[in-house]
Amino acid sequence: MRRKAILMFLLGVASLALTKAPAQADSAQDNYTAFCAKCHGPSGHGDGPGAAALSTKARDFADCNVMQKISDDTMFKVIQGGGASVGLPADMPSWSNGLSDAEIHDVVSYIHTFCKK
């Protein structure tokens, strides 16, 4: 009987883990839409409606050749502290007041989905 209870518990935990991943993906997409798409565009091409007002072109996340050279750590720092925090243009604002560290990591992962080789 105890073995069955343990098995049921483990199945419940596994079920929660499987259902949580899509929610995180949805949240990352929602955060990208709310914080990033204005400049980077809904498809990540740097062609959002706010991009025209920038003094530098918004990064094209779908450019695989460029994006594969940028580490996740650098992307995290840029989103958290803004472009100036890593020597990039200050057009990229800091989102540390709007996004938690975990949400920023999720957005970085979401950004990778724009590069389709």
PDB file of N, CA and C in Angstrom:
ATOM      1  N   MET A   1       0.817  -1.195   0.000  1.00  0.00           N
ATOM      2  CA  MET A   1       0.000   0.000   0.000  1.00  0.00           C
ATOM      3  C   MET A   1       0.863   1.262   0.000  1.00  0.00           C
ATOM      4  N   ARG A   2       1.944   1.230   0.784  1.00  0.00           N
ATOM      5  CA  ARG A   2       2.823   2.397   0.852  1.00  0.00           C
ATOM      6  C   ARG A   2       3.496   2.654  -0.499  1.00  0.00           C
ATOM      7  N   ARG A   3       3.881   1.584  -1.171  1.00  0.00           N
ATOM      8  CA  ARG A   3       4.506   1.710  -2.485  1.00  0.00           C
ATOM      9  C   ARG A   3       3.556   2.385  -3.468  1.00  0.00           C
ATOM     10  N   LYS A   4       2.275   2.048  -3.397  1.00  0.00           N
ATOM     11  CA  LYS A   4       1.279   2.648  -4.284  1.00  0.00           C
ATOM     12  C   LYS A   4       1.127   4.141  -3.981  1.00  0.00           C
ATOM     13  N   ALA A   5       1.142   4.501  -2.703  1.00  0.00           N
ATOM     14  CA  ALA A   5       1.028   5.912  -2.319  1.00  0.00           C
ATOM     15  C   ALA A   5       2.225   6.707  -2.819  1.00  0.00           C
ATOM     16  N   ILE A   6       3.412   6.128  -2.702  1.00  0.00           N
ATOM     17  CA  ILE A   6       4.627   6.812  -3.191  1.00  0.00           C
ATOM     18  C   ILE A   6       4.556   6.974  -4.700  1.00  0.00           C
ATOM     19  N   LEU A   7       4.123   5.943  -5.381  1.00  0.00           N
ATOM     20  CA  LEU A   7       4.001   6.010  -6.836  1.00  0.00           C
ATOM     21  C   LEU A   7       3.004   7.086  -7.244  1.00  0.00           C
ATOM     22  N   MET A   8       1.879   7.167  -6.561  1.00  0.00           N
ATOM     23  CA  MET A   8       0.878   8.182  -6.878  1.00  0.00           C
ATOM     24  C   MET A   8       1.439   9.588  -6.637  1.00  0.00           C
ATOM     25  N   PHE A   9       2.203   9.748  -5.545  1.00  0.00           N
ATOM     26  CA  PHE A   9       2.816  11.039  -5.247  1.00  0.00           C
ATOM     27  C   PHE A   9       3.787  11.434  -6.366  1.00  0.00           C
ATOM     28  N   LEU A  10       4.636  10.493  -6.779  1.00  0.00           N
ATOM     29  CA  LEU A  10       5.611  10.779  -7.835  1.00  0.00           C
ATOM     30  C   LEU A  10       4.925  11.103  -9.157  1.00  0.00           C
ATOM     31  N   LEU A  11       3.846  10.410  -9.456  1.00  0.00           N
ATOM     32  CA  LEU A  11       3.098  10.717 -10.678  1.00  0.00           C
ATOM     33  C   LEU A  11       2.492  12.112 -10.604  1.00  0.00           C
ATOM     34  N   GLY A  12       2.015  12.499  -9.431  1.00  0.00           N
ATOM     35  CA  GLY A  12       1.465  13.840  -9.253  1.00  0.00           C
ATOM     36  C   GLY A  12       2.521  14.907  -9.446  1.00  0.00           C
ATOM     37  N   VAL A  13       3.720  14.690  -8.888  1.00  0.00           N
ATOM     38  CA  VAL A  13       4.819  15.642  -9.048  1.00  0.00           C
ATOM     39  C   VAL A  13       5.219  15.744 -10.516  1.00  0.00           C
ATOM     40  N   ALA A  14       5.320  14.597 -11.183  1.00  0.00           N
ATOM     41  CA  ALA A  14       5.678  14.597 -12.601  1.00  0.00           C
ATOM     42  C   ALA A  14       4.620  15.339 -13.420  1.00  0.00           C
ATOM     43  N   SER A  15       3.370  15.153 -13.082  1.00  0.00           N
ATOM     44  CA  SER A  15       2.288  15.837 -13.786  1.00  0.00           C
ATOM     45  C   SER A  15       2.387  17.345 -13.605  1.00  0.00           C
ATOM     46  N   LEU A  16       2.686  17.792 -12.393  1.00  0.00           N
ATOM     47  CA  LEU A  16       2.852  19.222 -12.154  1.00  0.00           C
ATOM     48  C   LEU A  16       4.015  19.779 -12.963  1.00  0.00           C
ATOM     49  N   ALA A  17       5.104  19.037 -13.007  1.00  0.00           N
ATOM     50  CA  ALA A  17       6.274  19.497 -13.760  1.00  0.00           C
ATOM     51  C   ALA A  17       5.949  19.628 -15.236  1.00  0.00           C
ATOM     52  N   LEU A  18       5.199  18.693 -15.769  1.00  0.00           N
ATOM     53  CA  LEU A  18       4.854  18.726 -17.188  1.00  0.00           C
ATOM     54  C   LEU A  18       3.894  19.855 -17.509  1.00  0.00           C
ATOM     55  N   THR A  19       2.997  20.188 -16.588  1.00  0.00           N
ATOM     56  CA  THR A  19       2.043  21.247 -16.868  1.00  0.00           C
ATOM     57  C   THR A  19       2.628  22.623 -16.609  1.00  0.00           C
ATOM     58  N   LYS A  20       3.704  22.723 -15.840  1.00  0.00           N
ATOM     59  CA  LYS A  20       4.284  24.021 -15.518  1.00  0.00           C
ATOM     60  C   LYS A  20       5.084  24.587 -16.694  1.00  0.00           C
ATOM     61  N   ALA A  21       5.763  23.763 -17.454  1.00  0.00           N
ATOM     62  CA  ALA A  21       6.618  24.244 -18.537  1.00  0.00           C
ATOM     63  C   ALA A  21       5.851  25.089 -19.562  1.00  0.00           C
ATOM     64  N   PRO A  22       4.698  24.638 -20.068  1.00  0.00           N
ATOM     65  CA  PRO A  22       3.985  25.491 -21.015  1.00  0.00           C
ATOM     66  C   PRO A  22       3.551  26.820 -20.408  1.00  0.00           C
ATOM     67  N   ALA A  23       3.184  26.814 -19.131  1.00  0.00           N
ATOM     68  CA  ALA A  23       2.792  28.068 -18.486  1.00  0.00           C
ATOM     69  C   ALA A  23       3.965  29.032 -18.454  1.00  0.00           C
ATOM     70  N   GLN A  24       5.160  28.522 -18.175  1.00  0.00           N
ATOM     71  CA  GLN A  24       6.345  29.370 -18.184  1.00  0.00           C
ATOM     72  C   GLN A  24       6.592  29.905 -19.586  1.00  0.00           C
ATOM     73  N   ALA A  25       6.399  29.066 -20.585  1.00  0.00           N
ATOM     74  CA  ALA A  25       6.589  29.511 -21.970  1.00  0.00           C
ATOM     75  C   ALA A  25       5.586  30.607 -22.315  1.00  0.00           C
ATOM     76  N   ASP A  26       4.329  30.418 -21.899  1.00  0.00           N
ATOM     77  CA  ASP A  26       3.311  31.440 -22.152  1.00  0.00           C
ATOM     78  C   ASP A  26       3.684  32.737 -21.454  1.00  0.00           C
ATOM     79  N   SER A  27       4.156  32.630 -20.221  1.00  0.00           N
ATOM     80  CA  SER A  27       4.550  33.812 -19.456  1.00  0.00           C
ATOM     81  C   SER A  27       5.716  34.524 -20.137  1.00  0.00           C
ATOM     82  N   ALA A  28       6.685  33.770 -20.616  1.00  0.00           N
ATOM     83  CA  ALA A  28       7.831  34.362 -21.309  1.00  0.00           C
ATOM     84  C   ALA A  28       7.374  35.097 -22.563  1.00  0.00           C
ATOM     85  N   GLN A  29       6.464  34.492 -23.312  1.00  0.00           N
ATOM     86  CA  GLN A  29       5.950  35.147 -24.511  1.00  0.00           C
ATOM     87  C   GLN A  29       5.177  36.405 -24.133  1.00  0.00           C
ATOM     88  N   ASP A  30       4.372  36.322 -23.086  1.00  0.00           N
ATOM     89  CA  ASP A  30       3.629  37.495 -22.633  1.00  0.00           C
ATOM     90  C   ASP A  30       4.573  38.614 -22.205  1.00  0.00           C
ATOM     91  N   ASN A  31       5.632  38.255 -21.467  1.00  0.00           N
ATOM     92  CA  ASN A  31       6.608  39.262 -21.034  1.00  0.00           C
ATOM     93  C   ASN A  31       7.360  39.839 -22.224  1.00  0.00           C
ATOM     94  N   TYR A  32       7.710  39.006 -23.189  1.00  0.00           N
ATOM     95  CA  TYR A  32       8.367  39.499 -24.399  1.00  0.00           C
ATOM     96  C   TYR A  32       7.450  40.502 -25.110  1.00  0.00           C
ATOM     97  N   THR A  33       6.186  40.138 -25.240  1.00  0.00           N
ATOM     98  CA  THR A  33       5.225  41.018 -25.914  1.00  0.00           C
ATOM     99  C   THR A  33       5.091  42.345 -25.168  1.00  0.00           C
ATOM    100  N   ALA A  34       5.038  42.276 -23.847  1.00  0.00           N
ATOM    101  CA  ALA A  34       4.840  43.484 -23.045  1.00  0.00           C
ATOM    102  C   ALA A  34       6.076  44.376 -22.991  1.00  0.00           C
ATOM    103  N   PHE A  35       7.265  43.780 -22.916  1.00  0.00           N
ATOM    104  CA  PHE A  35       8.471  44.557 -22.675  1.00  0.00           C
ATOM    105  C   PHE A  35       9.382  44.711 -23.896  1.00  0.00           C
ATOM    106  N   CYS A  36       9.334  43.790 -24.824  1.00  0.00           N
ATOM    107  CA  CYS A  36      10.347  43.753 -25.888  1.00  0.00           C
ATOM    108  C   CYS A  36       9.814  44.016 -27.296  1.00  0.00           C
ATOM    109  N   ALA A  37       8.596  43.539 -27.567  1.00  0.00           N
ATOM    110  CA  ALA A  37       8.065  43.581 -28.935  1.00  0.00           C
ATOM    111  C   ALA A  37       7.899  44.996 -29.471  1.00  0.00           C
ATOM    112  N   LYS A  38       7.739  45.972 -28.591  1.00  0.00           N
ATOM    113  CA  LYS A  38       7.566  47.351 -29.055  1.00  0.00           C
ATOM    114  C   LYS A  38       8.722  47.760 -29.967  1.00  0.00           C
ATOM    115  N   CYS A  39       9.927  47.334 -29.612  1.00  0.00           N
ATOM    116  CA  CYS A  39      11.091  47.682 -30.437  1.00  0.00           C
ATOM    117  C   CYS A  39      11.584  46.505 -31.282  1.00  0.00           C
ATOM    118  N   HIS A  40      11.598  45.309 -30.681  1.00  0.00           N
ATOM    119  CA  HIS A  40      12.162  44.155 -31.379  1.00  0.00           C
ATOM    120  C   HIS A  40      11.159  43.466 -32.297  1.00  0.00           C
ATOM    121  N   GLY A  41       9.895  43.838 -32.205  1.00  0.00           N
ATOM    122  CA  GLY A  41       8.868  43.279 -33.078  1.00  0.00           C
ATOM    123  C   GLY A  41       8.340  41.953 -32.579  1.00  0.00           C
ATOM    124  N   PRO A  42       7.124  41.607 -32.977  1.00  0.00           N
ATOM    125  CA  PRO A  42       6.499  40.361 -32.514  1.00  0.00           C
ATOM    126  C   PRO A  42       7.237  39.110 -32.976  1.00  0.00           C
ATOM    127  N   SER A  43       7.965  39.206 -34.079  1.00  0.00           N
ATOM    128  CA  SER A  43       8.733  38.061 -34.585  1.00  0.00           C
ATOM    129  C   SER A  43      10.229  38.211 -34.325  1.00  0.00           C
ATOM    130  N   GLY A  44      10.598  39.233 -33.549  1.00  0.00           N
ATOM    131  CA  GLY A  44      11.989  39.399 -33.152  1.00  0.00           C
ATOM    132  C   GLY A  44      12.919  39.976 -34.196  1.00  0.00           C
ATOM    133  N   HIS A  45      12.385  40.577 -35.266  1.00  0.00           N
ATOM    134  CA  HIS A  45      13.219  41.080 -36.356  1.00  0.00           C
ATOM    135  C   HIS A  45      13.726  42.515 -36.150  1.00  0.00           C
ATOM    136  N   GLY A  46      13.448  43.096 -34.987  1.00  0.00           N
ATOM    137  CA  GLY A  46      13.893  44.465 -34.735  1.00  0.00           C
ATOM    138  C   GLY A  46      13.052  45.496 -35.462  1.00  0.00           C
ATOM    139  N   ASP A  47      11.823  45.120 -35.788  1.00  0.00           N
ATOM    140  CA  ASP A  47      10.958  45.982 -36.592  1.00  0.00           C
ATOM    141  C   ASP A  47       9.659  46.358 -35.879  1.00  0.00           C
ATOM    142  N   GLY A  48       9.725  46.458 -34.547  1.00  0.00           N
ATOM    143  CA  GLY A  48       8.549  46.849 -33.786  1.00  0.00           C
ATOM    144  C   GLY A  48       8.191  48.302 -34.032  1.00  0.00           C
ATOM    145  N   PRO A  49       7.001  48.728 -33.642  1.00  0.00           N
ATOM    146  CA  PRO A  49       6.566  50.094 -33.908  1.00  0.00           C
ATOM    147  C   PRO A  49       7.424  51.171 -33.242  1.00  0.00           C
ATOM    148  N   GLY A  50       8.100  50.836 -32.147  1.00  0.00           N
ATOM    149  CA  GLY A  50       8.958  51.812 -31.477  1.00  0.00           C
ATOM    150  C   GLY A  50      10.375  51.849 -32.013  1.00  0.00           C
ATOM    151  N   ALA A  51      10.714  50.935 -32.889  1.00  0.00           N
ATOM    152  CA  ALA A  51      12.090  50.837 -33.394  1.00  0.00           C
ATOM    153  C   ALA A  51      12.503  52.065 -34.198  1.00  0.00           C
ATOM    154  N   ALA A  52      11.587  52.673 -34.898  1.00  0.00           N
ATOM    155  CA  ALA A  52      11.910  53.832 -35.739  1.00  0.00           C
ATOM    156  C   ALA A  52      12.403  55.020 -34.918  1.00  0.00           C
ATOM    157  N   ALA A  53      11.992  55.097 -33.675  1.00  0.00           N
ATOM    158  CA  ALA A  53      12.383  56.229 -32.822  1.00  0.00           C
ATOM    159  C   ALA A  53      13.753  56.029 -32.162  1.00  0.00           C
ATOM    160  N   LEU A  54      14.349  54.857 -32.326  1.00  0.00           N
ATOM    161  CA  LEU A  54      15.636  54.565 -31.684  1.00  0.00           C
ATOM    162  C   LEU A  54      16.791  55.158 -32.478  1.00  0.00           C
ATOM    163  N   SER A  55      17.843  55.548 -31.767  1.00  0.00           N
ATOM    164  CA  SER A  55      19.026  56.073 -32.460  1.00  0.00           C
ATOM    165  C   SER A  55      19.866  54.944 -33.061  1.00  0.00           C
ATOM    166  N   THR A  56      19.684  53.724 -32.564  1.00  0.00           N
ATOM    167  CA  THR A  56      20.344  52.541 -33.143  1.00  0.00           C
ATOM    168  C   THR A  56      19.271  51.511 -33.462  1.00  0.00           C
ATOM    169  N   LYS A  57      19.518  50.684 -34.443  1.00  0.00           N
ATOM    170  CA  LYS A  57      18.540  49.665 -34.839  1.00  0.00           C
ATOM    171  C   LYS A  57      18.395  48.629 -33.733  1.00  0.00           C
ATOM    172  N   ALA A  58      17.168  48.258 -33.458  1.00  0.00           N
ATOM    173  CA  ALA A  58      16.900  47.208 -32.472  1.00  0.00           C
ATOM    174  C   ALA A  58      17.466  45.889 -32.984  1.00  0.00           C
ATOM    175  N   ARG A  59      17.997  45.092 -32.077  1.00  0.00           N
ATOM    176  CA  ARG A  59      18.603  43.802 -32.430  1.00  0.00           C
ATOM    177  C   ARG A  59      17.580  42.906 -33.121  1.00  0.00           C
ATOM    178  N   ASP A  60      18.019  42.239 -34.177  1.00  0.00           N
ATOM    179  CA  ASP A  60      17.209  41.256 -34.905  1.00  0.00           C
ATOM    180  C   ASP A  60      17.490  39.890 -34.291  1.00  0.00           C
ATOM    181  N   PHE A  61      16.579  39.411 -33.451  1.00  0.00           N
ATOM    182  CA  PHE A  61      16.777  38.134 -32.765  1.00  0.00           C
ATOM    183  C   PHE A  61      16.683  36.945 -33.708  1.00  0.00           C
ATOM    184  N   ALA A  62      16.173  37.146 -34.916  1.00  0.00           N
ATOM    185  CA  ALA A  62      16.066  36.057 -35.879  1.00  0.00           C
ATOM    186  C   ALA A  62      17.341  35.888 -36.702  1.00  0.00           C
ATOM    187  N   ASP A  63      18.310  36.776 -36.525  1.00  0.00           N
ATOM    188  CA  ASP A  63      19.595  36.678 -37.216  1.00  0.00           C
ATOM    189  C   ASP A  63      20.475  35.684 -36.460  1.00  0.00           C
ATOM    190  N   CYS A  64      20.420  34.427 -36.869  1.00  0.00           N
ATOM    191  CA  CYS A  64      21.106  33.346 -36.164  1.00  0.00           C
ATOM    192  C   CYS A  64      22.610  33.557 -36.093  1.00  0.00           C
ATOM    193  N   ASN A  65      23.206  34.096 -37.152  1.00  0.00           N
ATOM    194  CA  ASN A  65      24.654  34.307 -37.151  1.00  0.00           C
ATOM    195  C   ASN A  65      25.092  35.265 -36.057  1.00  0.00           C
ATOM    196  N   VAL A  66      24.321  36.294 -35.819  1.00  0.00           N
ATOM    197  CA  VAL A  66      24.636  37.263 -34.768  1.00  0.00           C
ATOM    198  C   VAL A  66      24.269  36.702 -33.400  1.00  0.00           C
ATOM    199  N   MET A  67      23.089  36.135 -33.279  1.00  0.00           N
ATOM    200  CA  MET A  67      22.589  35.697 -31.985  1.00  0.00           C
ATOM    201  C   MET A  67      23.398  34.557 -31.380  1.00  0.00           C
ATOM    202  N   GLN A  68      23.960  33.690 -32.209  1.00  0.00           N
ATOM    203  CA  GLN A  68      24.738  32.578 -31.649  1.00  0.00           C
ATOM    204  C   GLN A  68      26.046  33.052 -31.014  1.00  0.00           C
ATOM    205  N   LYS A  69      26.448  34.271 -31.287  1.00  0.00           N
ATOM    206  CA  LYS A  69      27.666  34.836 -30.707  1.00  0.00           C
ATOM    207  C   LYS A  69      27.411  35.553 -29.380  1.00  0.00           C
ATOM    208  N   ILE A  70      26.144  35.701 -29.003  1.00  0.00           N
ATOM    209  CA  ILE A  70      25.782  36.416 -27.784  1.00  0.00           C
ATOM    210  C   ILE A  70      25.387  35.395 -26.716  1.00  0.00           C
ATOM    211  N   SER A  71      26.093  35.423 -25.595  1.00  0.00           N
ATOM    212  CA  SER A  71      25.821  34.451 -24.530  1.00  0.00           C
ATOM    213  C   SER A  71      24.509  34.774 -23.821  1.00  0.00           C
ATOM    214  N   ASP A  72      23.938  33.763 -23.212  1.00  0.00           N
ATOM    215  CA  ASP A  72      22.730  33.957 -22.416  1.00  0.00           C
ATOM    216  C   ASP A  72      23.006  34.924 -21.270  1.00  0.00           C
ATOM    217  N   ASP A  73      24.202  34.845 -20.698  1.00  0.00           N
ATOM    218  CA  ASP A  73      24.571  35.739 -19.597  1.00  0.00           C
ATOM    219  C   ASP A  73      24.549  37.196 -20.062  1.00  0.00           C
ATOM    220  N   THR A  74      25.075  37.451 -21.253  1.00  0.00           N
ATOM    221  CA  THR A  74      25.065  38.813 -21.786  1.00  0.00           C
ATOM    222  C   THR A  74      23.640  39.275 -22.045  1.00  0.00           C
ATOM    223  N   MET A  75      22.816  38.415 -22.644  1.00  0.00           N
ATOM    224  CA  MET A  75      21.418  38.793 -22.889  1.00  0.00           C
ATOM    225  C   MET A  75      20.713  39.091 -21.571  1.00  0.00           C
ATOM    226  N   PHE A  76      20.966  38.264 -20.556  1.00  0.00           N
ATOM    227  CA  PHE A  76      20.364  38.504 -19.245  1.00  0.00           C
ATOM    228  C   PHE A  76      20.772  39.877 -18.721  1.00  0.00           C
ATOM    229  N   LYS A  77      22.057  40.191 -18.790  1.00  0.00           N
ATOM    230  CA  LYS A  77      22.555  41.471 -18.277  1.00  0.00           C
ATOM    231  C   LYS A  77      21.957  42.651 -19.034  1.00  0.00           C
ATOM    232  N   VAL A  78      21.806  42.515 -20.340  1.00  0.00           N
ATOM    233  CA  VAL A  78      21.233  43.597 -21.148  1.00  0.00           C
ATOM    234  C   VAL A  78      19.772  43.829 -20.762  1.00  0.00           C
ATOM    235  N   ILE A  79      19.013  42.764 -20.598  1.00  0.00           N
ATOM    236  CA  ILE A  79      17.601  42.911 -20.228  1.00  0.00           C
ATOM    237  C   ILE A  79      17.492  43.457 -18.810  1.00  0.00           C
ATOM    238  N   GLN A  80      18.298  42.953 -17.922  1.00  0.00           N
ATOM    239  CA  GLN A  80      18.220  43.382 -16.527  1.00  0.00           C
ATOM    240  C   GLN A  80      18.714  44.812 -16.324  1.00  0.00           C
ATOM    241  N   GLY A  81      19.878  45.137 -16.904  1.00  0.00           N
ATOM    242  CA  GLY A  81      20.498  46.434 -16.623  1.00  0.00           C
ATOM    243  C   GLY A  81      20.460  47.434 -17.750  1.00  0.00           C
ATOM    244  N   GLY A  82      19.939  47.043 -18.906  1.00  0.00           N
ATOM    245  CA  GLY A  82      19.917  47.931 -20.056  1.00  0.00           C
ATOM    246  C   GLY A  82      21.177  47.796 -20.880  1.00  0.00           C
ATOM    247  N   GLY A  83      21.151  48.334 -22.079  1.00  0.00           N
ATOM    248  CA  GLY A  83      22.286  48.223 -22.997  1.00  0.00           C
ATOM    249  C   GLY A  83      23.568  48.816 -22.434  1.00  0.00           C
ATOM    250  N   ALA A  84      23.458  49.955 -21.777  1.00  0.00           N
ATOM    251  CA  ALA A  84      24.644  50.631 -21.253  1.00  0.00           C
ATOM    252  C   ALA A  84      25.383  49.783 -20.224  1.00  0.00           C
ATOM    253  N   SER A  85      24.695  48.849 -19.577  1.00  0.00           N
ATOM    254  CA  SER A  85      25.328  48.018 -18.551  1.00  0.00           C
ATOM    255  C   SER A  85      26.386  47.078 -19.123  1.00  0.00           C
ATOM    256  N   VAL A  86      26.346  46.859 -20.441  1.00  0.00           N
ATOM    257  CA  VAL A  86      27.340  45.994 -21.086  1.00  0.00           C
ATOM    258  C   VAL A  86      28.038  46.708 -22.243  1.00  0.00           C
ATOM    259  N   GLY A  87      27.982  48.030 -22.237  1.00  0.00           N
ATOM    260  CA  GLY A  87      28.665  48.798 -23.270  1.00  0.00           C
ATOM    261  C   GLY A  87      27.916  48.922 -24.582  1.00  0.00           C
ATOM    262  N   LEU A  88      26.632  48.626 -24.578  1.00  0.00           N
ATOM    263  CA  LEU A  88      25.800  48.780 -25.773  1.00  0.00           C
ATOM    264  C   LEU A  88      25.015  50.087 -25.653  1.00  0.00           C
ATOM    265  N   PRO A  89      24.354  50.508 -26.737  1.00  0.00           N
ATOM    266  CA  PRO A  89      23.592  51.765 -26.682  1.00  0.00           C
ATOM    267  C   PRO A  89      22.546  51.777 -25.569  1.00  0.00           C
ATOM    268  N   ALA A  90      22.350  52.938 -24.993  1.00  0.00           N
ATOM    269  CA  ALA A  90      21.388  53.119 -23.908  1.00  0.00           C
ATOM    270  C   ALA A  90      19.946  53.118 -24.406  1.00  0.00           C
ATOM    271  N   ASP A  91      19.731  52.974 -25.715  1.00  0.00           N
ATOM    272  CA  ASP A  91      18.366  52.855 -26.242  1.00  0.00           C
ATOM    273  C   ASP A  91      17.655  51.659 -25.609  1.00  0.00           C
ATOM    274  N   MET A  92      18.435  50.621 -25.290  1.00  0.00           N
ATOM    275  CA  MET A  92      17.867  49.443 -24.637  1.00  0.00           C
ATOM    276  C   MET A  92      17.751  49.744 -23.153  1.00  0.00           C
ATOM    277  N   PRO A  93      16.497  49.848 -22.638  1.00  0.00           N
ATOM    278  CA  PRO A  93      16.313  50.187 -21.228  1.00  0.00           C
ATOM    279  C   PRO A  93      16.515  48.986 -20.313  1.00  0.00           C
ATOM    280  N   SER A  94      16.661  49.259 -19.044  1.00  0.00           N
ATOM    281  CA  SER A  94      16.707  48.226 -18.014  1.00  0.00           C
ATOM    282  C   SER A  94      15.285  47.791 -17.694  1.00  0.00           C
ATOM    283  N   TRP A  95      15.085  46.491 -17.590  1.00  0.00           N
ATOM    284  CA  TRP A  95      13.774  45.978 -17.213  1.00  0.00           C
ATOM    285  C   TRP A  95      13.814  45.328 -15.833  1.00  0.00           C
ATOM    286  N   SER A  96      14.805  45.655 -15.003  1.00  0.00           N
ATOM    287  CA  SER A  96      14.928  45.045 -13.682  1.00  0.00           C
ATOM    288  C   SER A  96      13.768  45.414 -12.761  1.00  0.00           C
ATOM    289  N   ASN A  97      13.109  46.528 -13.000  1.00  0.00           N
ATOM    290  CA  ASN A  97      11.958  46.895 -12.181  1.00  0.00           C
ATOM    291  C   ASN A  97      10.668  46.234 -12.651  1.00  0.00           C
ATOM    292  N   GLY A  98      10.649  45.708 -13.862  1.00  0.00           N
ATOM    293  CA  GLY A  98       9.437  45.091 -14.396  1.00  0.00           C
ATOM    294  C   GLY A  98       9.474  43.581 -14.437  1.00  0.00           C
ATOM    295  N   LEU A  99      10.683  43.008 -14.455  1.00  0.00           N
ATOM    296  CA  LEU A  99      10.837  41.561 -14.587  1.00  0.00           C
ATOM    297  C   LEU A  99      11.741  41.022 -13.482  1.00  0.00           C
ATOM    298  N   SER A 100      11.373  39.886 -12.923  1.00  0.00           N
ATOM    299  CA  SER A 100      12.226  39.210 -11.950  1.00  0.00           C
ATOM    300  C   SER A 100      13.379  38.520 -12.694  1.00  0.00           C
ATOM    301  N   ASP A 101      14.390  38.099 -11.958  1.00  0.00           N
ATOM    302  CA  ASP A 101      15.501  37.379 -12.588  1.00  0.00           C
ATOM    303  C   ASP A 101      15.007  36.127 -13.301  1.00  0.00           C
ATOM    304  N   ALA A 102      14.094  35.394 -12.675  1.00  0.00           N
ATOM    305  CA  ALA A 102      13.553  34.181 -13.297  1.00  0.00           C
ATOM    306  C   ALA A 102      12.810  34.510 -14.588  1.00  0.00           C
ATOM    307  N   GLU A 103      12.044  35.591 -14.581  1.00  0.00           N
ATOM    308  CA  GLU A 103      11.317  35.992 -15.790  1.00  0.00           C
ATOM    309  C   GLU A 103      12.289  36.413 -16.891  1.00  0.00           C
ATOM    310  N   ILE A 104      13.376  37.077 -16.507  1.00  0.00           N
ATOM    311  CA  ILE A 104      14.376  37.467 -17.512  1.00  0.00           C
ATOM    312  C   ILE A 104      15.001  36.231 -18.133  1.00  0.00           C
ATOM    313  N   HIS A 105      15.336  35.235 -17.318  1.00  0.00           N
ATOM    314  CA  HIS A 105      15.894  33.989 -17.859  1.00  0.00           C
ATOM    315  C   HIS A 105      14.908  33.342 -18.837  1.00  0.00           C
ATOM    316  N   ASP A 106      13.618  33.367 -18.490  1.00  0.00           N
ATOM    317  CA  ASP A 106      12.599  32.805 -19.381  1.00  0.00           C
ATOM    318  C   ASP A 106      12.504  33.588 -20.686  1.00  0.00           C
ATOM    319  N   VAL A 107      12.622  34.914 -20.618  1.00  0.00           N
ATOM    320  CA  VAL A 107      12.590  35.738 -21.827  1.00  0.00           C
ATOM    321  C   VAL A 107      13.809  35.437 -22.699  1.00  0.00           C
ATOM    322  N   VAL A 108      14.971  35.267 -22.083  1.00  0.00           N
ATOM    323  CA  VAL A 108      16.177  34.914 -22.849  1.00  0.00           C
ATOM    324  C   VAL A 108      15.931  33.608 -23.601  1.00  0.00           C
ATOM    325  N   SER A 109      15.363  32.625 -22.924  1.00  0.00           N
ATOM    326  CA  SER A 109      15.054  31.354 -23.595  1.00  0.00           C
ATOM    327  C   SER A 109      14.054  31.559 -24.724  1.00  0.00           C
ATOM    328  N   TYR A 110      13.055  32.396 -24.501  1.00  0.00           N
ATOM    329  CA  TYR A 110      12.057  32.673 -25.533  1.00  0.00           C
ATOM    330  C   TYR A 110      12.698  33.349 -26.748  1.00  0.00           C
ATOM    331  N   ILE A 111      13.622  34.260 -26.503  1.00  0.00           N
ATOM    332  CA  ILE A 111      14.301  34.961 -27.606  1.00  0.00           C
ATOM    333  C   ILE A 111      14.987  33.967 -28.536  1.00  0.00           C
ATOM    334  N   HIS A 112      15.503  32.878 -27.980  1.00  0.00           N
ATOM    335  CA  HIS A 112      16.167  31.859 -28.807  1.00  0.00           C
ATOM    336  C   HIS A 112      15.219  31.224 -29.819  1.00  0.00           C
ATOM    337  N   THR A 113      13.908  31.278 -29.571  1.00  0.00           N
ATOM    338  CA  THR A 113      12.965  30.636 -30.494  1.00  0.00           C
ATOM    339  C   THR A 113      12.863  31.391 -31.819  1.00  0.00           C
ATOM    340  N   PHE A 114      13.341  32.627 -31.871  1.00  0.00           N
ATOM    341  CA  PHE A 114      13.272  33.396 -33.122  1.00  0.00           C
ATOM    342  C   PHE A 114      14.305  32.950 -34.142  1.00  0.00           C
ATOM    343  N   CYS A 115      15.381  32.355 -33.686  1.00  0.00           N
ATOM    344  CA  CYS A 115      16.419  31.874 -34.600  1.00  0.00           C
ATOM    345  C   CYS A 115      16.040  30.484 -35.072  1.00  0.00           C
ATOM    346  N   LYS A 116      15.677  30.390 -36.327  1.00  0.00           N
ATOM    347  CA  LYS A 116      15.270  29.094 -36.903  1.00  0.00           C
ATOM    348  C   LYS A 116      16.220  28.752 -38.033  1.00  0.00           C
ATOM    349  N   LYS A 117      17.063  27.787 -37.796  1.00  0.00           N
ATOM    350  CA  LYS A 117      18.034  27.378 -38.809  1.00  0.00           C
ATOM    351  C   LYS A 117      17.464  26.338 -39.727  1.00  0.00           C
TER     352      LYS A 117
END
